[in-house]
């Protein structure tokens, strides 16, 4: 299993609240797609809360909350993700919806595997 993380910035013409609401609704849309149901293991959203970052900024932490959200999708391989994201249904429904909240030119992507070293 591999995890893709998409670091997302909101479109500059919408508020953070609009971004957060549209992105939450996007999860419902993605979950309903046949191609996602068939090819993904999980999809999660990490919602940035700007007010939570203020104490870190005040303490001198660099680059706090550079992105507005992070999406994680777990799939069997990179090939599976490519197939999913090139699926006609995904392009027609999800990709079009993404453009209502995400700055598509500012998305950063990472791929890797999760290693849990500590859990309580």
C-alpha atoms as a PDB file:
ATOM      1  CA  UNK A   1       0.000   0.000   0.000  1.00  0.00           C
ATOM      2  CA  UNK A   2       1.174   3.528  -0.786  1.00  0.00           C
ATOM      3  CA  UNK A   3      -0.112   6.856   0.459  1.00  0.00           C
ATOM      4  CA  UNK A   4      -0.439   9.920  -1.697  1.00  0.00           C
ATOM      5  CA  UNK A   5      -0.632  13.224   0.124  1.00  0.00           C
ATOM      6  CA  UNK A   6      -1.961  16.255  -1.691  1.00  0.00           C
ATOM      7  CA  UNK A   7      -1.061  19.584  -0.092  1.00  0.00           C
ATOM      8  CA  UNK A   8      -3.794  21.986  -1.133  1.00  0.00           C
ATOM      9  CA  UNK A   9      -4.108  25.758  -1.212  1.00  0.00           C
ATOM     10  CA  UNK A  10      -7.467  27.389  -1.633  1.00  0.00           C
ATOM     11  CA  UNK A  11      -8.358  29.480  -4.616  1.00  0.00           C
ATOM     12  CA  UNK A  12      -7.397  33.082  -3.870  1.00  0.00           C
ATOM     13  CA  UNK A  13     -10.896  34.327  -4.711  1.00  0.00           C
ATOM     14  CA  UNK A  14     -12.672  32.384  -1.928  1.00  0.00           C
ATOM     15  CA  UNK A  15     -12.519  32.630   1.852  1.00  0.00           C
ATOM     16  CA  UNK A  16     -10.976  29.964   4.048  1.00  0.00           C
ATOM     17  CA  UNK A  17     -14.476  29.120   5.318  1.00  0.00           C
ATOM     18  CA  UNK A  18     -15.742  28.633   1.752  1.00  0.00           C
ATOM     19  CA  UNK A  19     -12.723  26.444   0.998  1.00  0.00           C
ATOM     20  CA  UNK A  20     -13.290  24.309   4.087  1.00  0.00           C
ATOM     21  CA  UNK A  21     -16.986  23.806   3.330  1.00  0.00           C
ATOM     22  CA  UNK A  22     -16.451  22.994  -0.364  1.00  0.00           C
ATOM     23  CA  UNK A  23     -13.597  20.620   0.419  1.00  0.00           C
ATOM     24  CA  UNK A  24     -15.707  18.767   3.017  1.00  0.00           C
ATOM     25  CA  UNK A  25     -18.473  18.378   0.420  1.00  0.00           C
ATOM     26  CA  UNK A  26     -15.871  17.154  -2.084  1.00  0.00           C
ATOM     27  CA  UNK A  27     -15.249  14.116   0.144  1.00  0.00           C
ATOM     28  CA  UNK A  28     -18.887  13.117  -0.199  1.00  0.00           C
ATOM     29  CA  UNK A  29     -18.683  13.449  -3.975  1.00  0.00           C
ATOM     30  CA  UNK A  30     -15.445  11.441  -4.197  1.00  0.00           C
ATOM     31  CA  UNK A  31     -16.831   8.689  -1.974  1.00  0.00           C
ATOM     32  CA  UNK A  32     -19.789   8.209  -4.324  1.00  0.00           C
ATOM     33  CA  UNK A  33     -17.645   7.589  -7.429  1.00  0.00           C
ATOM     34  CA  UNK A  34     -17.400   4.022  -8.706  1.00  0.00           C
ATOM     35  CA  UNK A  35     -13.737   4.447  -9.660  1.00  0.00           C
ATOM     36  CA  UNK A  36     -12.852   5.570  -6.127  1.00  0.00           C
ATOM     37  CA  UNK A  37     -14.838   2.742  -4.524  1.00  0.00           C
ATOM     38  CA  UNK A  38     -13.078   0.182  -6.724  1.00  0.00           C
ATOM     39  CA  UNK A  39      -9.512   1.474  -6.532  1.00  0.00           C
ATOM     40  CA  UNK A  40      -8.908   3.244  -3.220  1.00  0.00           C
ATOM     41  CA  UNK A  41      -8.313   1.846   0.240  1.00  0.00           C
ATOM     42  CA  UNK A  42      -9.003   5.055   2.152  1.00  0.00           C
ATOM     43  CA  UNK A  43      -9.354   8.794   1.717  1.00  0.00           C
ATOM     44  CA  UNK A  44      -8.863  11.258   4.558  1.00  0.00           C
ATOM     45  CA  UNK A  45      -8.735  15.013   4.859  1.00  0.00           C
ATOM     46  CA  UNK A  46      -6.538  16.932   7.285  1.00  0.00           C
ATOM     47  CA  UNK A  47      -8.316  20.229   7.886  1.00  0.00           C
ATOM     48  CA  UNK A  48      -6.027  23.097   8.829  1.00  0.00           C
ATOM     49  CA  UNK A  49      -7.317  25.299  11.638  1.00  0.00           C
ATOM     50  CA  UNK A  50      -5.513  28.656  11.348  1.00  0.00           C
ATOM     51  CA  UNK A  51      -6.186  29.657  14.970  1.00  0.00           C
ATOM     52  CA  UNK A  52      -4.390  26.542  16.217  1.00  0.00           C
ATOM     53  CA  UNK A  53      -1.210  27.644  14.449  1.00  0.00           C
ATOM     54  CA  UNK A  54      -0.962  31.050  16.140  1.00  0.00           C
ATOM     55  CA  UNK A  55       0.875  29.804  19.265  1.00  0.00           C
ATOM     56  CA  UNK A  56       3.377  27.935  17.072  1.00  0.00           C
ATOM     57  CA  UNK A  57       4.068  31.058  15.018  1.00  0.00           C
ATOM     58  CA  UNK A  58       4.465  33.062  18.224  1.00  0.00           C
ATOM     59  CA  UNK A  59       6.948  30.448  19.495  1.00  0.00           C
ATOM     60  CA  UNK A  60       9.050  30.853  16.351  1.00  0.00           C
ATOM     61  CA  UNK A  61       8.074  27.738  14.402  1.00  0.00           C
ATOM     62  CA  UNK A  62       8.713  28.339  10.686  1.00  0.00           C
ATOM     63  CA  UNK A  63       6.231  27.737   7.862  1.00  0.00           C
ATOM     64  CA  UNK A  64       3.164  26.993   9.989  1.00  0.00           C
ATOM     65  CA  UNK A  65       0.048  26.086   7.989  1.00  0.00           C
ATOM     66  CA  UNK A  66       1.548  26.890   4.603  1.00  0.00           C
ATOM     67  CA  UNK A  67      -1.254  24.891   2.973  1.00  0.00           C
ATOM     68  CA  UNK A  68      -4.993  25.083   3.642  1.00  0.00           C
ATOM     69  CA  UNK A  69      -5.519  21.331   3.740  1.00  0.00           C
ATOM     70  CA  UNK A  70      -3.927  17.962   3.125  1.00  0.00           C
ATOM     71  CA  UNK A  71      -5.707  15.045   1.477  1.00  0.00           C
ATOM     72  CA  UNK A  72      -4.442  11.500   1.885  1.00  0.00           C
ATOM     73  CA  UNK A  73      -5.441   8.638  -0.366  1.00  0.00           C
ATOM     74  CA  UNK A  74      -4.222   5.095   0.182  1.00  0.00           C
ATOM     75  CA  UNK A  75      -4.048   2.797  -2.848  1.00  0.00           C
ATOM     76  CA  UNK A  76      -2.222  -0.371  -3.826  1.00  0.00           C
ATOM     77  CA  UNK A  77       0.313   1.353  -6.111  1.00  0.00           C
ATOM     78  CA  UNK A  78       1.118   4.508  -8.038  1.00  0.00           C
ATOM     79  CA  UNK A  79      -0.322   2.867 -11.147  1.00  0.00           C
ATOM     80  CA  UNK A  80      -3.664   2.470  -9.382  1.00  0.00           C
ATOM     81  CA  UNK A  81      -3.756   6.152  -8.443  1.00  0.00           C
ATOM     82  CA  UNK A  82      -2.928   7.181 -11.999  1.00  0.00           C
ATOM     83  CA  UNK A  83      -5.687   4.930 -13.311  1.00  0.00           C
ATOM     84  CA  UNK A  84      -8.142   6.356 -10.782  1.00  0.00           C
ATOM     85  CA  UNK A  85      -7.307  10.001 -11.492  1.00  0.00           C
ATOM     86  CA  UNK A  86      -7.441   9.471 -15.249  1.00  0.00           C
ATOM     87  CA  UNK A  87     -10.813   7.727 -15.043  1.00  0.00           C
ATOM     88  CA  UNK A  88     -13.479   9.497 -17.121  1.00  0.00           C
ATOM     89  CA  UNK A  89     -15.886   9.628 -14.176  1.00  0.00           C
ATOM     90  CA  UNK A  90     -13.235  11.144 -11.891  1.00  0.00           C
ATOM     91  CA  UNK A  91     -12.299  13.757 -14.466  1.00  0.00           C
ATOM     92  CA  UNK A  92     -15.916  14.629 -15.220  1.00  0.00           C
ATOM     93  CA  UNK A  93     -17.128  14.848 -11.617  1.00  0.00           C
ATOM     94  CA  UNK A  94     -14.330  15.151  -9.053  1.00  0.00           C
ATOM     95  CA  UNK A  95     -11.783  17.116 -11.035  1.00  0.00           C
ATOM     96  CA  UNK A  96     -14.358  19.702 -12.050  1.00  0.00           C
ATOM     97  CA  UNK A  97     -15.522  20.038  -8.433  1.00  0.00           C
ATOM     98  CA  UNK A  98     -11.938  20.408  -7.152  1.00  0.00           C
ATOM     99  CA  UNK A  99     -11.555  23.475  -9.306  1.00  0.00           C
ATOM    100  CA  UNK A 100     -14.270  25.256  -7.288  1.00  0.00           C
ATOM    101  CA  UNK A 101     -12.095  25.366  -4.151  1.00  0.00           C
ATOM    102  CA  UNK A 102      -8.479  24.373  -4.896  1.00  0.00           C
ATOM    103  CA  UNK A 103      -5.749  26.391  -6.565  1.00  0.00           C
ATOM    104  CA  UNK A 104      -4.871  23.629  -9.022  1.00  0.00           C
ATOM    105  CA  UNK A 105      -1.494  25.240  -9.851  1.00  0.00           C
ATOM    106  CA  UNK A 106      -0.382  25.206  -6.203  1.00  0.00           C
ATOM    107  CA  UNK A 107      -1.043  21.574  -5.254  1.00  0.00           C
ATOM    108  CA  UNK A 108       1.998  19.645  -4.068  1.00  0.00           C
ATOM    109  CA  UNK A 109       2.042  15.846  -4.034  1.00  0.00           C
ATOM    110  CA  UNK A 110       4.040  13.344  -2.006  1.00  0.00           C
ATOM    111  CA  UNK A 111       4.022   9.551  -2.256  1.00  0.00           C
ATOM    112  CA  UNK A 112       5.303   7.173   0.356  1.00  0.00           C
ATOM    113  CA  UNK A 113       4.416   4.591   2.962  1.00  0.00           C
ATOM    114  CA  UNK A 114       3.252   5.163   6.498  1.00  0.00           C
ATOM    115  CA  UNK A 115       5.443   3.913   9.343  1.00  0.00           C
ATOM    116  CA  UNK A 116       3.859   4.093  12.784  1.00  0.00           C
ATOM    117  CA  UNK A 117       6.642   4.191  15.362  1.00  0.00           C
ATOM    118  CA  UNK A 118       4.658   5.213  18.401  1.00  0.00           C
ATOM    119  CA  UNK A 119       1.025   5.059  19.385  1.00  0.00           C
ATOM    120  CA  UNK A 120      -0.748   5.321  22.719  1.00  0.00           C
END
